């Protein structure tokens, strides 16, 4: 990581691919190196702030940090959980907008948001964000139906 961490991010020949760096974040979390994981996630977010996996991993990192907090640090733990919730909600929102295919990751994010809500109740600002997430979901019955529209095509005469 030290070989490329401070290299020019615009030159893809100097750094590993985005996906490889996301995989490295996962490895860093497995090794319990949350600080390096957060640093790498910040770089990745600068490159692509609409990556569902990156937002999920941000949330997961904050969630793990909150679990490491001592019992007396309730204020810091609460702030980490709020940050985790925001990141998970952003991942869910982007997944809905981008037709993200990893349902397991999104299901886990939804479970974690519910668990965080039980510990740290959402504030009014959080409720607005939930409405935004719900609004991004596209119900199946509203999706485009090519077959039906082909039958209804009408030629217009001049």
Protein backbone atom coordinates (compact mmCIF):
# COMPACT_ATOMS: atom_id res chain seq x y z
CA UNK A 1 0.00 0.00 0.00
CA UNK A 2 2.88 2.34 0.74
CA UNK A 3 4.05 1.91 -2.84
CA UNK A 4 1.01 3.63 -4.32
CA UNK A 5 -0.86 5.36 -1.48
CA UNK A 6 0.50 8.81 -2.30
CA UNK A 7 0.65 8.43 -6.07
CA UNK A 8 -1.31 10.43 -8.62
CA UNK A 9 -4.84 9.02 -8.58
CA UNK A 10 -5.46 10.18 -12.13
CA UNK A 11 -2.81 7.83 -13.54
CA UNK A 12 -4.27 4.30 -13.51
CA UNK A 13 -0.86 2.77 -14.24
CA UNK A 14 0.46 3.91 -10.86
CA UNK A 15 -2.29 2.56 -8.61
CA UNK A 16 -4.38 -0.63 -8.35
CA UNK A 17 -7.87 -0.63 -9.81
CA UNK A 18 -10.81 0.75 -7.87
CA UNK A 19 -12.17 -2.76 -7.26
CA UNK A 20 -8.81 -4.00 -6.00
CA UNK A 21 -8.61 -1.11 -3.57
CA UNK A 22 -12.14 -1.90 -2.35
CA UNK A 23 -10.97 -5.47 -1.78
CA UNK A 24 -8.02 -4.08 0.16
CA UNK A 25 -10.43 -2.13 2.38
CA UNK A 26 -12.21 -5.40 3.16
CA UNK A 27 -8.87 -7.03 4.01
CA UNK A 28 -7.87 -4.12 6.22
CA UNK A 29 -11.15 -4.47 8.09
CA UNK A 30 -10.53 -8.20 8.50
CA UNK A 31 -7.15 -7.30 9.97
CA UNK A 32 -8.84 -4.76 12.26
CA UNK A 33 -7.00 -1.80 10.71
CA UNK A 34 -9.95 0.56 10.58
CA UNK A 35 -7.89 3.74 10.33
CA UNK A 36 -6.13 2.64 7.13
CA UNK A 37 -9.45 1.36 5.79
CA UNK A 38 -11.06 4.77 6.39
CA UNK A 39 -8.15 6.55 4.74
CA UNK A 40 -8.43 4.38 1.66
CA UNK A 41 -12.21 4.76 1.60
CA UNK A 42 -11.80 8.54 1.62
CA UNK A 43 -9.57 8.29 -1.45
CA UNK A 44 -12.05 5.99 -3.16
CA UNK A 45 -14.94 8.31 -2.39
CA UNK A 46 -13.08 11.21 -4.01
CA UNK A 47 -12.85 9.13 -7.18
CA UNK A 48 -16.43 7.85 -7.17
CA UNK A 49 -18.95 9.08 -4.64
CA UNK A 50 -21.71 6.92 -6.11
CA UNK A 51 -20.20 3.53 -5.37
CA UNK A 52 -22.57 1.41 -3.27
CA UNK A 53 -19.81 -0.84 -1.93
CA UNK A 54 -17.72 2.11 -0.78
CA UNK A 55 -20.64 3.64 1.13
CA UNK A 56 -21.49 0.29 2.67
CA UNK A 57 -17.87 -0.21 3.75
CA UNK A 58 -17.78 3.30 5.23
CA UNK A 59 -20.86 2.42 7.27
CA UNK A 60 -19.46 -0.95 8.26
CA UNK A 61 -16.19 0.64 9.38
CA UNK A 62 -18.00 3.20 11.54
CA UNK A 63 -20.18 0.43 12.94
CA UNK A 64 -17.11 -1.64 13.84
CA UNK A 65 -15.50 1.39 15.45
CA UNK A 66 -18.61 1.93 17.56
CA UNK A 67 -18.40 -1.66 18.78
CA UNK A 68 -14.81 -1.04 19.88
CA UNK A 69 -15.77 1.98 21.99
CA UNK A 70 -15.48 1.73 25.75
CA UNK A 71 -18.67 1.80 27.77
CA UNK A 72 -18.12 5.36 29.03
CA UNK A 73 -17.82 6.88 25.55
CA UNK A 74 -21.55 6.97 24.82
CA UNK A 75 -21.44 10.30 22.98
CA UNK A 76 -18.66 9.17 20.63
CA UNK A 77 -20.34 5.81 20.11
CA UNK A 78 -23.62 7.53 19.27
CA UNK A 79 -21.88 9.76 16.73
CA UNK A 80 -20.20 6.76 15.09
CA UNK A 81 -23.54 4.96 14.89
CA UNK A 82 -25.18 8.01 13.33
CA UNK A 83 -22.38 8.19 10.77
CA UNK A 84 -22.75 4.48 10.06
CA UNK A 85 -26.50 4.89 9.57
CA UNK A 86 -25.97 7.79 7.14
CA UNK A 87 -23.51 5.74 5.11
CA UNK A 88 -25.75 2.66 5.03
CA UNK A 89 -28.70 4.80 3.95
CA UNK A 90 -26.60 6.36 1.20
CA UNK A 91 -25.60 2.88 0.02
CA UNK A 92 -29.26 1.80 0.00
CA UNK A 93 -30.32 4.94 -1.85
CA UNK A 94 -27.63 4.49 -4.49
CA UNK A 95 -28.42 0.79 -4.83
CA UNK A 96 -32.04 1.65 -5.59
CA UNK A 97 -31.05 4.32 -8.10
CA UNK A 98 -28.40 2.24 -9.85
CA UNK A 99 -30.15 -1.16 -9.91
CA UNK A 100 -27.43 -2.64 -7.73
CA UNK A 101 -27.41 -6.43 -7.87
CA UNK A 102 -25.91 -7.48 -4.51
CA UNK A 103 -29.11 -7.92 -2.55
CA UNK A 104 -27.29 -9.55 0.37
CA UNK A 105 -25.23 -6.44 0.99
CA UNK A 106 -28.29 -4.19 0.84
CA UNK A 107 -30.28 -6.53 3.09
CA UNK A 108 -27.44 -6.39 5.60
CA UNK A 109 -27.36 -2.59 5.36
CA UNK A 110 -31.11 -2.48 6.02
CA UNK A 111 -30.69 -4.78 9.04
CA UNK A 112 -27.91 -2.60 10.40
CA UNK A 113 -29.95 0.57 9.94
CA UNK A 114 -32.80 -1.05 11.89
CA UNK A 115 -30.38 -2.14 14.63
CA UNK A 116 -28.86 1.34 14.84
CA UNK A 117 -32.33 2.91 14.93
CA UNK A 118 -33.11 0.75 17.97
CA UNK A 119 -30.02 2.11 19.76
CA UNK A 120 -29.97 5.67 18.41
CA UNK A 121 -33.45 6.79 17.38
CA UNK A 122 -33.48 8.80 14.16
CA UNK A 123 -33.88 12.55 14.37
CA UNK A 124 -36.19 14.65 12.19
CA UNK A 125 -33.42 15.09 9.60
CA UNK A 126 -32.99 11.32 9.44
CA UNK A 127 -36.71 10.89 8.73
CA UNK A 128 -36.44 13.14 5.67
CA UNK A 129 -33.57 11.00 4.42
CA UNK A 130 -35.69 7.86 4.84
CA UNK A 131 -38.36 9.46 2.67
CA UNK A 132 -35.69 10.14 0.03
CA UNK A 133 -34.62 6.50 0.13
CA UNK A 134 -38.19 5.28 -0.22
CA UNK A 135 -38.77 7.67 -3.12
CA UNK A 136 -35.84 6.24 -5.07
CA UNK A 137 -37.27 2.73 -5.11
CA UNK A 138 -38.97 1.92 -8.40
CA UNK A 139 -41.99 -0.34 -8.03
CA UNK A 140 -41.99 -3.24 -10.51
CA UNK A 141 -45.36 -2.31 -11.97
CA UNK A 142 -43.98 1.06 -13.10
CA UNK A 143 -41.09 -0.40 -15.08
CA UNK A 144 -41.11 -0.04 -18.84
CA UNK A 145 -42.90 -2.80 -20.73
CA UNK A 146 -41.57 -3.00 -24.30
CA UNK A 147 -43.98 -5.69 -25.45
CA UNK A 148 -47.08 -3.73 -24.50
CA UNK A 149 -45.83 -0.55 -26.13
CA UNK A 150 -44.99 -2.33 -29.41
CA UNK A 151 -48.60 -3.48 -29.76
CA UNK A 152 -49.86 0.03 -29.22
CA UNK A 153 -47.69 1.74 -31.84
CA UNK A 154 -49.81 3.58 -34.33
CA UNK A 155 -48.56 4.88 -37.63
CA UNK A 156 -49.39 8.46 -38.25
CA UNK A 157 -50.48 9.53 -41.69
CA UNK A 158 -49.71 12.84 -43.27
